[in-house]
Amino acid sequence: MTDESVTESSKTAGNAKGPLPELDFSSFILSLSSSALMTLGVIENPVTKQKEKDPVVAKQTIDLIALLKEKTAGNLTDSEAKLLDDALAELKVWYVKETA
């Protein structure tokens, strides 16, 4: 299987509604942020349709985003850097609210 066919098949695999959106740094950060919010119990798990709290996993995800910020410093566009900063700040506030 060529790299091109792998990429093309991964865009449609498991998605009956159409192709998946292109992957980029911003969508990756938004995905991690959503995961953190879900493990904080802020938003419901789309599979179970319930709010579930796991503060240890939420903290690990927030720390992962902070690590990405550190490791990508100077290599992001202004909008990517702002998204990363804003997401991290918001998640830290939610973490304090939900674990206090």
C-alpha atoms as a PDB file:
ATOM      1  CA  MET A   1       0.000   0.000   0.000  1.00  0.00           C
ATOM      2  CA  THR A   2       1.445   3.384  -0.943  1.00  0.00           C
ATOM      3  CA  ASP A   3       1.649   6.356   1.402  1.00  0.00           C
ATOM      4  CA  GLU A   4      -0.962   8.073  -0.751  1.00  0.00           C
ATOM      5  CA  SER A   5      -3.443   5.198  -0.479  1.00  0.00           C
ATOM      6  CA  VAL A   6      -2.898   4.971   3.284  1.00  0.00           C
ATOM      7  CA  THR A   7      -3.598   8.686   3.624  1.00  0.00           C
ATOM      8  CA  GLU A   8      -6.682   8.483   1.417  1.00  0.00           C
ATOM      9  CA  SER A   9      -8.097   5.445   3.211  1.00  0.00           C
ATOM     10  CA  SER A  10      -7.501   7.008   6.630  1.00  0.00           C
ATOM     11  CA  LYS A  11      -9.574  10.041   5.603  1.00  0.00           C
ATOM     12  CA  THR A  12     -12.669   7.921   5.090  1.00  0.00           C
ATOM     13  CA  ALA A  13     -12.121   4.998   7.452  1.00  0.00           C
ATOM     14  CA  GLY A  14     -14.732   4.692  10.170  1.00  0.00           C
ATOM     15  CA  ASN A  15     -16.672   7.766   9.079  1.00  0.00           C
ATOM     16  CA  ALA A  16     -19.955   7.053   7.318  1.00  0.00           C
ATOM     17  CA  LYS A  17     -20.757  10.773   7.058  1.00  0.00           C
ATOM     18  CA  GLY A  18     -17.877  11.592   4.737  1.00  0.00           C
ATOM     19  CA  PRO A  19     -14.161  12.217   4.780  1.00  0.00           C
ATOM     20  CA  LEU A  20     -12.419  13.344   7.926  1.00  0.00           C
ATOM     21  CA  PRO A  21     -11.069  16.909   8.044  1.00  0.00           C
ATOM     22  CA  GLU A  22      -7.396  17.531   7.345  1.00  0.00           C
ATOM     23  CA  LEU A  23      -5.158  17.174  10.357  1.00  0.00           C
ATOM     24  CA  ASP A  24      -3.222  20.184  11.543  1.00  0.00           C
ATOM     25  CA  PHE A  25      -1.689  21.447  14.760  1.00  0.00           C
ATOM     26  CA  SER A  26      -4.773  23.458  15.739  1.00  0.00           C
ATOM     27  CA  SER A  27      -7.141  20.497  15.373  1.00  0.00           C
ATOM     28  CA  PHE A  28      -4.704  18.401  17.414  1.00  0.00           C
ATOM     29  CA  ILE A  29      -4.714  20.947  20.259  1.00  0.00           C
ATOM     30  CA  LEU A  30      -8.510  21.232  20.111  1.00  0.00           C
ATOM     31  CA  SER A  31      -8.789  17.444  20.293  1.00  0.00           C
ATOM     32  CA  LEU A  32      -6.520  17.284  23.333  1.00  0.00           C
ATOM     33  CA  SER A  33      -8.464  20.140  24.947  1.00  0.00           C
ATOM     34  CA  SER A  34     -11.757  18.336  24.389  1.00  0.00           C
ATOM     35  CA  SER A  35     -10.302  15.202  25.944  1.00  0.00           C
ATOM     36  CA  ALA A  36      -9.173  17.171  28.988  1.00  0.00           C
ATOM     37  CA  LEU A  37     -12.600  18.805  29.356  1.00  0.00           C
ATOM     38  CA  MET A  38     -14.241  15.403  29.082  1.00  0.00           C
ATOM     39  CA  THR A  39     -12.029  13.901  31.802  1.00  0.00           C
ATOM     40  CA  LEU A  40     -12.755  16.926  33.989  1.00  0.00           C
ATOM     41  CA  GLY A  41     -16.478  16.194  33.668  1.00  0.00           C
ATOM     42  CA  VAL A  42     -17.151  19.518  31.944  1.00  0.00           C
ATOM     43  CA  ILE A  43     -18.458  17.924  28.752  1.00  0.00           C
ATOM     44  CA  GLU A  44     -20.040  14.524  28.312  1.00  0.00           C
ATOM     45  CA  ASN A  45     -18.334  11.512  26.865  1.00  0.00           C
ATOM     46  CA  PRO A  46     -19.800  11.140  23.352  1.00  0.00           C
ATOM     47  CA  VAL A  47     -19.793   7.345  23.654  1.00  0.00           C
ATOM     48  CA  THR A  48     -21.405   6.946  27.080  1.00  0.00           C
ATOM     49  CA  LYS A  49     -23.408  10.196  26.930  1.00  0.00           C
ATOM     50  CA  GLN A  50     -22.395  10.822  30.546  1.00  0.00           C
ATOM     51  CA  LYS A  51     -20.107  13.265  32.301  1.00  0.00           C
ATOM     52  CA  GLU A  52     -17.198  11.369  33.779  1.00  0.00           C
ATOM     53  CA  LYS A  53     -14.424  12.718  35.991  1.00  0.00           C
ATOM     54  CA  ASP A  54     -10.868  11.468  36.027  1.00  0.00           C
ATOM     55  CA  PRO A  55      -8.751  14.368  37.323  1.00  0.00           C
ATOM     56  CA  VAL A  56      -5.505  12.374  37.089  1.00  0.00           C
ATOM     57  CA  VAL A  57      -5.976  11.821  33.352  1.00  0.00           C
ATOM     58  CA  ALA A  58      -7.123  15.438  32.918  1.00  0.00           C
ATOM     59  CA  LYS A  59      -3.945  16.685  34.618  1.00  0.00           C
ATOM     60  CA  GLN A  60      -1.826  14.438  32.421  1.00  0.00           C
ATOM     61  CA  THR A  61      -3.501  15.812  29.284  1.00  0.00           C
ATOM     62  CA  ILE A  62      -3.047  19.410  30.461  1.00  0.00           C
ATOM     63  CA  ASP A  63       0.611  18.662  31.220  1.00  0.00           C
ATOM     64  CA  LEU A  64       0.973  17.167  27.731  1.00  0.00           C
ATOM     65  CA  ILE A  65      -0.368  20.378  26.181  1.00  0.00           C
ATOM     66  CA  ALA A  66       2.072  22.388  28.320  1.00  0.00           C
ATOM     67  CA  LEU A  67       4.892  20.128  27.094  1.00  0.00           C
ATOM     68  CA  LEU A  68       3.820  20.736  23.496  1.00  0.00           C
ATOM     69  CA  LYS A  69       3.885  24.486  24.170  1.00  0.00           C
ATOM     70  CA  GLU A  70       7.424  24.227  25.505  1.00  0.00           C
ATOM     71  CA  LYS A  71       8.705  21.983  22.706  1.00  0.00           C
ATOM     72  CA  THR A  72       7.097  23.961  19.866  1.00  0.00           C
ATOM     73  CA  ALA A  73       8.091  27.426  21.113  1.00  0.00           C
ATOM     74  CA  GLY A  74       9.225  29.546  18.187  1.00  0.00           C
ATOM     75  CA  ASN A  75       7.929  27.078  15.594  1.00  0.00           C
ATOM     76  CA  LEU A  76       4.224  27.968  15.516  1.00  0.00           C
ATOM     77  CA  THR A  77       2.230  30.549  13.628  1.00  0.00           C
ATOM     78  CA  ASP A  78       0.835  33.399  15.704  1.00  0.00           C
ATOM     79  CA  SER A  79      -2.652  31.879  15.578  1.00  0.00           C
ATOM     80  CA  GLU A  80      -1.380  28.426  16.620  1.00  0.00           C
ATOM     81  CA  ALA A  81       0.572  29.920  19.524  1.00  0.00           C
ATOM     82  CA  LYS A  82      -2.469  31.932  20.641  1.00  0.00           C
ATOM     83  CA  LEU A  83      -4.719  28.868  20.443  1.00  0.00           C
ATOM     84  CA  LEU A  84      -2.231  26.878  22.497  1.00  0.00           C
ATOM     85  CA  ASP A  85      -1.909  29.632  25.126  1.00  0.00           C
ATOM     86  CA  ASP A  86      -5.680  30.167  25.337  1.00  0.00           C
ATOM     87  CA  ALA A  87      -6.471  26.452  25.535  1.00  0.00           C
ATOM     88  CA  LEU A  88      -3.895  25.894  28.251  1.00  0.00           C
ATOM     89  CA  ALA A  89      -5.109  28.864  30.314  1.00  0.00           C
ATOM     90  CA  GLU A  90      -8.744  27.780  30.029  1.00  0.00           C
ATOM     91  CA  LEU A  91      -7.971  24.174  30.926  1.00  0.00           C
ATOM     92  CA  LYS A  92      -6.008  25.239  34.001  1.00  0.00           C
ATOM     93  CA  VAL A  93      -8.994  27.304  35.199  1.00  0.00           C
ATOM     94  CA  TRP A  94     -11.375  24.385  34.603  1.00  0.00           C
ATOM     95  CA  TYR A  95      -9.006  22.025  36.409  1.00  0.00           C
ATOM     96  CA  VAL A  96      -8.936  24.237  39.501  1.00  0.00           C
ATOM     97  CA  LYS A  97     -12.745  24.645  39.424  1.00  0.00           C
ATOM     98  CA  GLU A  98     -13.421  20.932  39.030  1.00  0.00           C
ATOM     99  CA  THR A  99     -10.866  19.625  41.505  1.00  0.00           C
ATOM    100  CA  ALA A 100     -11.199  22.167  44.307  1.00  0.00           C
END
